[in-house]
Amino acid sequence: MSQEYDNWGPATRAIRVGHERTHEREHGEPIFPTSSFTFDSAAEAAACFAGEVPGNIYSRFTNPTVRIFEQRLAAMEGGESCVATASGMAAILATSLGLLKSGDHIVSSRSIFGTTTVLFEKYLTRFGITTTFVPQTDIMCWERGIRPNTRMLFVETPSNPLTELVDIEMLSNLAKAYDCLLVVDNCFCTPALQQPLALGADLVIHSATKYLDGQGRCIGGAVVGDAKLVGEEVYGVLRTAGPSLSPFNAWVFLKGLETLNLRMQAHSRNATELAKWLESQPAIKQVYFPGLESHPQYALAKKQQSGPGGIVSFTVKGGQEAAWKVMDSAKMLSITANLGDTKTTLTHPATTTHGRLSPEQRSEAGISDGLVRIAVGLEDIEDIKSDLTHGLARL
């Protein structure tokens, strides 16, 4: 990243990095909806394809709009390189294909997105890559899970949906001791609230679909890290296999990054107030939110995050029937599996995001039938409380 950005604050980087104005002198970032680019000569084309000179070749792997998004997110995360992908899952797949080979082993938290579990267990195993799942919060279990062929430690922190944390710095030390790569999914916090690379992680994964966009408009993902691992190895997968981010989606994400810091602070404020209110409701058995003092890793959240984030989960008394009753009674809040929008969303993880897991896997991950996840949006907090009251009163 250019030296001129080094002294800029995070909000400035989110607004200014990456855009080099064209001869049209535009103030906003342009969208380049083109599949290919031209060359002044056959020799120039050959040099670009050979990597001898920089230049745009083909939008599968070189597009100016996508490049602005990549440079900006890399600057915000403190990384050297970023590769943008078609989705968050494409980012995890590209990372796995770029950095792992047959015979390698992953140690992963069992408290991860259900589709990531399926990717590791069902699809990577077909290529000879195996995974051991461990409790997220127990560093000793992480160490016991490591084998001589372990190449990667993979974690979401906070986790989906129980907001469990791991001490990134401690896990980084463990990864280095065993010559493993530490990959952190930073979807819930974003660089506005947490910077895993500064805490020792090797790579950061994003589903840009979530908070980076912020309004539920587009699908996309990203991998951030150093120039070798990401800029060469993961980029090589993108160039060859083509899980590419569209220029239009990249432009939408750029607009999202401009307000990310403000939105994450507002999400955190609303979520904190809602979580405290939920704890006082008699129909609720337990609330999961790292901004609550009752959260077992409240101190760790204060240490490695600048805010608790916008995800609150809670267990209602009465199992799935009661959970569905709360959700179905909402008049304003949206029932959807997505998160990170300005609109508050409700999700029943056991039958949606983690529905493809076996009952045993859900039990190990703490996903009970009575669990509801709320991605707290930016509506007036009293309106969010009021809408939840409709269902809670019926219990």
Foldseek 3Di string as FASTA:
>chain_A
DDPVCPPPDLLCLLQDFQDDDDPVRDPAHDFDQDFADDDPDPVRLVCCVVVVDPDTGGQLQDDSLLRSLFRSQQSLLVFATKAKFQALVVAVVLLCVLQHAAQAEEEEALQAFQVVVCCQPPPVVVRRYHYDHDHQADVVRSLVRDDLRYAEYEYEALGPAQRDHYQLLVVLVSCVVSVHAYEYEDAQARSLWFRSVVSRHAKYKYFLCAQLLAANDHTMIMMGHYCPSCVPRSSVCSVPVRSGHHSVVSSSSSVSSSCSNVFFVLLQVLQLVVQVVVVPQPQWDDKRWLCDPPHPCVVSSVVGTVGGGNKMKTFGPPFQVLQVLLVVQFDQAADDPGARYLGKYKYQCCCPRNVVPDPVSCVVNVRTRRMMMIRRHNDPSVSVVVRSCRSSVVD
